[in-house]
C-alpha atoms as a PDB file:
ATOM      1  CA  MET A   1     -34.340  32.268  37.598  1.00  0.00           C
ATOM      2  CA  ARG A   2     -36.622  29.577  37.097  1.00  0.00           C
ATOM      3  CA  ILE A   3     -38.552  27.878  39.618  1.00  0.00           C
ATOM      4  CA  GLY A   4     -40.496  24.801  40.021  1.00  0.00           C
ATOM      5  CA  VAL A   5     -43.041  23.836  42.678  1.00  0.00           C
ATOM      6  CA  ASP A   6     -44.601  20.136  43.192  1.00  0.00           C
ATOM      7  CA  VAL A   7     -46.919  18.546  45.744  1.00  0.00           C
ATOM      8  CA  LEU A   8     -47.137  15.074  46.359  1.00  0.00           C
ATOM      9  CA  ALA A   9     -49.842  12.971  49.015  1.00  0.00           C
ATOM     10  CA  LEU A  10     -47.249  10.655  51.360  1.00  0.00           C
ATOM     11  CA  GLY A  11     -49.038   7.324  49.630  1.00  0.00           C
ATOM     12  CA  GLU A  12     -49.160   8.489  46.247  1.00  0.00           C
ATOM     13  CA  LEU A  13     -46.125   6.162  45.550  1.00  0.00           C
ATOM     14  CA  ASP A  14     -46.337   3.148  47.597  1.00  0.00           C
ATOM     15  CA  ARG A  15     -47.183   1.119  45.307  1.00  0.00           C
ATOM     16  CA  LEU A  16     -44.602   1.953  42.407  1.00  0.00           C
ATOM     17  CA  ASN A  17     -41.965   1.866  45.077  1.00  0.00           C
ATOM     18  CA  THR A  18     -42.412  -1.788  45.955  1.00  0.00           C
ATOM     19  CA  ARG A  19     -41.650  -2.496  42.589  1.00  0.00           C
ATOM     20  CA  GLU A  20     -37.415  -2.484  41.548  1.00  0.00           C
ATOM     21  CA  TRP A  21     -37.998  -0.869  37.811  1.00  0.00           C
ATOM     22  CA  PHE A  22     -39.383   2.108  38.969  1.00  0.00           C
ATOM     23  CA  ARG A  23     -36.924   2.218  41.834  1.00  0.00           C
ATOM     24  CA  ARG A  24     -33.627   1.730  39.537  1.00  0.00           C
ATOM     25  CA  HIS A  25     -35.559   4.712  36.873  1.00  0.00           C
ATOM     26  CA  THR A  26     -36.773   6.645  39.200  1.00  0.00           C
ATOM     27  CA  TYR A  27     -33.915   6.968  42.003  1.00  0.00           C
ATOM     28  CA  ALA A  28     -29.496   7.589  41.694  1.00  0.00           C
ATOM     29  CA  ASP A  29     -28.270   4.673  43.455  1.00  0.00           C
ATOM     30  CA  GLU A  30     -26.641   7.228  46.351  1.00  0.00           C
ATOM     31  CA  GLU A  31     -30.844   8.053  47.359  1.00  0.00           C
ATOM     32  CA  LEU A  32     -31.505   4.838  47.323  1.00  0.00           C
ATOM     33  CA  GLY A  33     -28.301   3.675  49.303  1.00  0.00           C
ATOM     34  CA  TYR A  34     -29.456   6.395  51.998  1.00  0.00           C
ATOM     35  CA  ALA A  35     -32.948   4.946  51.711  1.00  0.00           C
ATOM     36  CA  ALA A  36     -32.060   1.662  52.726  1.00  0.00           C
ATOM     37  CA  THR A  37     -30.369   2.864  55.879  1.00  0.00           C
ATOM     38  CA  LEU A  38     -33.818   4.040  57.431  1.00  0.00           C
ATOM     39  CA  SER A  39     -36.863   3.067  58.879  1.00  0.00           C
ATOM     40  CA  PRO A  40     -39.884   1.976  56.446  1.00  0.00           C
ATOM     41  CA  SER A  41     -41.748   4.660  57.590  1.00  0.00           C
ATOM     42  CA  ARG A  42     -38.688   7.116  57.417  1.00  0.00           C
ATOM     43  CA  GLU A  43     -38.079   5.903  53.871  1.00  0.00           C
ATOM     44  CA  ARG A  44     -41.426   6.619  52.740  1.00  0.00           C
ATOM     45  CA  GLU A  45     -41.158   9.804  53.820  1.00  0.00           C
ATOM     46  CA  PHE A  46     -37.853  10.436  52.382  1.00  0.00           C
ATOM     47  CA  LEU A  47     -38.039   8.876  48.628  1.00  0.00           C
ATOM     48  CA  ALA A  48     -41.720  10.836  48.850  1.00  0.00           C
ATOM     49  CA  GLY A  49     -39.813  13.878  49.363  1.00  0.00           C
ATOM     50  CA  ARG A  50     -37.411  13.346  46.936  1.00  0.00           C
ATOM     51  CA  PHE A  51     -39.155  12.430  44.058  1.00  0.00           C
ATOM     52  CA  ALA A  52     -41.526  15.753  44.720  1.00  0.00           C
ATOM     53  CA  ALA A  53     -37.875  16.887  44.509  1.00  0.00           C
ATOM     54  CA  LYS A  54     -37.695  15.984  41.424  1.00  0.00           C
ATOM     55  CA  GLU A  55     -40.905  17.064  39.576  1.00  0.00           C
ATOM     56  CA  ALA A  56     -39.675  20.789  41.050  1.00  0.00           C
ATOM     57  CA  VAL A  57     -36.238  20.651  39.648  1.00  0.00           C
ATOM     58  CA  VAL A  58     -37.571  19.490  36.155  1.00  0.00           C
ATOM     59  CA  LYS A  59     -40.336  22.188  36.150  1.00  0.00           C
ATOM     60  CA  ALA A  60     -37.937  24.765  37.044  1.00  0.00           C
ATOM     61  CA  LEU A  61     -36.299  23.571  33.905  1.00  0.00           C
ATOM     62  CA  GLY A  62     -39.339  24.035  31.706  1.00  0.00           C
ATOM     63  CA  THR A  63     -39.402  19.866  30.554  1.00  0.00           C
ATOM     64  CA  GLY A  64     -40.944  18.074  32.645  1.00  0.00           C
ATOM     65  CA  PHE A  65     -39.616  14.054  32.639  1.00  0.00           C
ATOM     66  CA  GLY A  66     -39.333  13.917  28.628  1.00  0.00           C
ATOM     67  CA  GLY A  67     -36.844  14.887  26.148  1.00  0.00           C
ATOM     68  CA  GLY A  68     -34.834  12.626  27.624  1.00  0.00           C
ATOM     69  CA  ILE A  69     -34.711  13.636  31.150  1.00  0.00           C
ATOM     70  CA  ARG A  70     -35.592  10.500  33.413  1.00  0.00           C
ATOM     71  CA  PRO A  71     -36.269  10.850  36.914  1.00  0.00           C
ATOM     72  CA  ALA A  72     -32.658   9.381  38.142  1.00  0.00           C
ATOM     73  CA  GLN A  73     -30.898  11.743  36.480  1.00  0.00           C
ATOM     74  CA  VAL A  74     -31.329  14.363  38.921  1.00  0.00           C
ATOM     75  CA  CYS A  75     -30.036  13.155  42.443  1.00  0.00           C
ATOM     76  CA  VAL A  76     -31.076  14.662  45.367  1.00  0.00           C
ATOM     77  CA  ALA A  77     -28.353  14.429  47.607  1.00  0.00           C
ATOM     78  CA  ARG A  78     -27.348  15.650  51.035  1.00  0.00           C
ATOM     79  CA  ASP A  79     -24.864  18.067  52.480  1.00  0.00           C
ATOM     80  CA  ASP A  80     -23.179  17.276  55.538  1.00  0.00           C
ATOM     81  CA  ARG A  81     -25.330  18.894  56.887  1.00  0.00           C
ATOM     82  CA  SER A  82     -28.001  16.702  55.539  1.00  0.00           C
ATOM     83  CA  ALA A  83     -29.869  19.776  53.659  1.00  0.00           C
ATOM     84  CA  PRO A  84     -30.971  18.523  49.837  1.00  0.00           C
ATOM     85  CA  VAL A  85     -28.112  19.472  47.383  1.00  0.00           C
ATOM     86  CA  VAL A  86     -29.451  18.916  43.037  1.00  0.00           C
ATOM     87  CA  ARG A  87     -26.912  16.654  40.955  1.00  0.00           C
ATOM     88  CA  LEU A  88     -27.750  16.646  37.769  1.00  0.00           C
ATOM     89  CA  SER A  89     -26.671  13.908  35.104  1.00  0.00           C
ATOM     90  CA  GLY A  90     -27.021  13.298  31.284  1.00  0.00           C
ATOM     91  CA  ALA A  91     -29.596  14.942  29.359  1.00  0.00           C
ATOM     92  CA  ALA A  92     -30.837  16.705  32.390  1.00  0.00           C
ATOM     93  CA  ALA A  93     -27.163  18.378  33.231  1.00  0.00           C
ATOM     94  CA  ARG A  94     -26.819  19.303  29.370  1.00  0.00           C
ATOM     95  CA  HIS A  95     -30.656  20.907  29.369  1.00  0.00           C
ATOM     96  CA  ALA A  96     -28.984  22.917  32.760  1.00  0.00           C
ATOM     97  CA  GLN A  97     -25.928  23.749  30.978  1.00  0.00           C
ATOM     98  CA  GLU A  98     -28.106  25.333  27.698  1.00  0.00           C
ATOM     99  CA  LEU A  99     -30.079  27.125  29.967  1.00  0.00           C
ATOM    100  CA  GLY A 100     -27.400  28.642  31.131  1.00  0.00           C
ATOM    101  CA  LEU A 101     -28.539  27.645  34.965  1.00  0.00           C
ATOM    102  CA  ALA A 102     -25.022  27.590  37.433  1.00  0.00           C
ATOM    103  CA  ALA A 103     -27.396  25.849  40.416  1.00  0.00           C
ATOM    104  CA  ILE A 104     -30.451  24.269  41.236  1.00  0.00           C
ATOM    105  CA  THR A 105     -31.399  24.923  45.107  1.00  0.00           C
ATOM    106  CA  VAL A 106     -34.491  22.677  46.468  1.00  0.00           C
ATOM    107  CA  SER A 107     -36.102  22.898  49.767  1.00  0.00           C
ATOM    108  CA  ILE A 108     -38.204  19.664  50.801  1.00  0.00           C
ATOM    109  CA  ALA A 109     -40.797  19.733  53.486  1.00  0.00           C
ATOM    110  CA  HIS A 110     -43.255  17.526  55.199  1.00  0.00           C
ATOM    111  CA  LYS A 111     -46.578  18.201  56.798  1.00  0.00           C
ATOM    112  CA  GLY A 112     -48.372  15.353  57.598  1.00  0.00           C
ATOM    113  CA  ALA A 113     -49.655  13.759  54.471  1.00  0.00           C
ATOM    114  CA  CYS A 114     -48.345  16.208  52.179  1.00  0.00           C
ATOM    115  CA  VAL A 115     -44.683  16.661  50.953  1.00  0.00           C
ATOM    116  CA  VAL A 116     -44.270  19.938  49.188  1.00  0.00           C
ATOM    117  CA  ALA A 117     -40.676  20.744  47.411  1.00  0.00           C
ATOM    118  CA  VAL A 118     -39.398  23.447  46.021  1.00  0.00           C
ATOM    119  CA  ALA A 119     -36.892  24.393  43.314  1.00  0.00           C
ATOM    120  CA  LEU A 120     -34.979  27.526  42.262  1.00  0.00           C
ATOM    121  CA  ALA A 121     -32.932  27.553  39.333  1.00  0.00           C
ATOM    122  CA  GLU A 122     -30.224  30.068  39.307  1.00  0.00           C
ATOM    123  CA  ASP A 123     -28.636  32.033  36.572  1.00  0.00           C
ATOM    124  CA  ARG A 124     -25.270  32.525  35.837  1.00  0.00           C
ATOM    125  CA  GLY A 125     -23.951  35.170  38.295  1.00  0.00           C
ATOM    126  CA  GLY A 126     -27.257  35.008  40.938  1.00  0.00           C
ATOM    127  CA  SER A 127     -26.455  34.538  44.363  1.00  0.00           C
ATOM    128  CA  ALA A 128     -26.695  30.853  45.881  1.00  0.00           C
ATOM    129  CA  ALA A 129     -27.099  32.051  49.789  1.00  0.00           C
ATOM    130  CA  ALA A 130     -30.302  34.322  48.719  1.00  0.00           C
ATOM    131  CA  THR A 131     -31.450  31.538  46.395  1.00  0.00           C
ATOM    132  CA  GLY A 132     -31.643  28.955  49.297  1.00  0.00           C
ATOM    133  CA  HIS A 133     -33.424  31.288  51.671  1.00  0.00           C
ATOM    134  CA  GLN A 134     -36.037  32.416  49.403  1.00  0.00           C
ATOM    135  CA  ALA A 135     -37.064  28.557  48.013  1.00  0.00           C
ATOM    136  CA  GLU A 136     -37.209  27.568  51.773  1.00  0.00           C
ATOM    137  CA  GLN A 137     -39.435  30.140  52.645  1.00  0.00           C
ATOM    138  CA  ILE A 138     -41.509  29.473  49.254  1.00  0.00           C
ATOM    139  CA  ALA A 139     -41.591  25.866  50.558  1.00  0.00           C
ATOM    140  CA  THR A 140     -42.703  26.737  54.028  1.00  0.00           C
ATOM    141  CA  THR A 141     -45.187  29.288  52.975  1.00  0.00           C
ATOM    142  CA  ALA A 142     -46.721  26.046  50.498  1.00  0.00           C
ATOM    143  CA  VAL A 143     -47.175  23.662  52.786  1.00  0.00           C
ATOM    144  CA  ARG A 144     -48.956  26.259  55.130  1.00  0.00           C
ATOM    145  CA  ASN A 145     -51.768  27.197  52.854  1.00  0.00           C
ATOM    146  CA  ILE A 146     -51.945  23.657  51.426  1.00  0.00           C
ATOM    147  CA  THR A 147     -52.872  22.426  55.182  1.00  0.00           C
ATOM    148  CA  ARG A 148     -55.156  25.866  55.912  1.00  0.00           C
ATOM    149  CA  LEU A 149     -56.417  24.578  52.398  1.00  0.00           C
ATOM    150  CA  ARG A 150     -56.874  21.094  53.583  1.00  0.00           C
ATOM    151  CA  THR A 151     -58.396  21.599  56.853  1.00  0.00           C
ATOM    152  CA  GLY A 152     -60.877  23.529  55.378  1.00  0.00           C
ATOM    153  CA  MET A 153     -61.686  21.159  52.733  1.00  0.00           C
ATOM    154  CA  GLY A 154     -62.251  18.884  55.844  1.00  0.00           C
ATOM    155  CA  ASN A 155     -64.568  21.664  57.475  1.00  0.00           C
ATOM    156  CA  ALA A 156     -66.500  22.291  54.485  1.00  0.00           C
ATOM    157  CA  ARG A 157     -66.882  18.498  54.069  1.00  0.00           C
ATOM    158  CA  ASN A 158     -67.849  18.332  57.791  1.00  0.00           C
ATOM    159  CA  GLY A 159     -70.597  21.327  57.381  1.00  0.00           C
ATOM    160  CA  ASN A 160     -68.650  23.651  59.217  1.00  0.00           C
ATOM    161  CA  ALA A 161     -67.234  25.656  56.391  1.00  0.00           C
END
C-alpha cells in the first residue's frame, strides 16, 4: 500500500482558478462540468478539494506532477453516493499500472479554511473496502490535527499559549 496526503488553504487557488488555461490543465471535463452546477462558494470548495486529492494521488504514485503526468489525468469523480472516485488516464494510468496498483481510494475533508486529502494506493490483491475506511480515518485525523495546530498558532500570536 502507498499513501499520499495533501493540505491546501481554501483560497490558495482562487486566482489560478479564474484562468481558463489553468482549469483545462488541472481538471478533467467531468470535474469542471460538475463544478459548473454549483454556487460560486461551493465551486471554490469543490475545486480546492479536487486539487488536494490530485496532489495526494500523485504523491501516492511517488511522482508528483512531472514525468508526463498532468493534473487533468487524475480525475476525482463522484460515485452514485457522491463519494470521490479516482480515474486515471494517460501517463498517470500507465505509471499506476507499472507499480502494480489495483485501485486508488481518496478521502477529502474540509474544515474552515483548510482542505485535506488522503490517497491510498492499493496493490493488486488488497482490500478496497479496508483501504477506503483507512483513507477516511487518516483524513479525519489530519483535519483534527490541523485545526488544533491552527488554534494553537492563533493563541501563540495572541500571547495566550
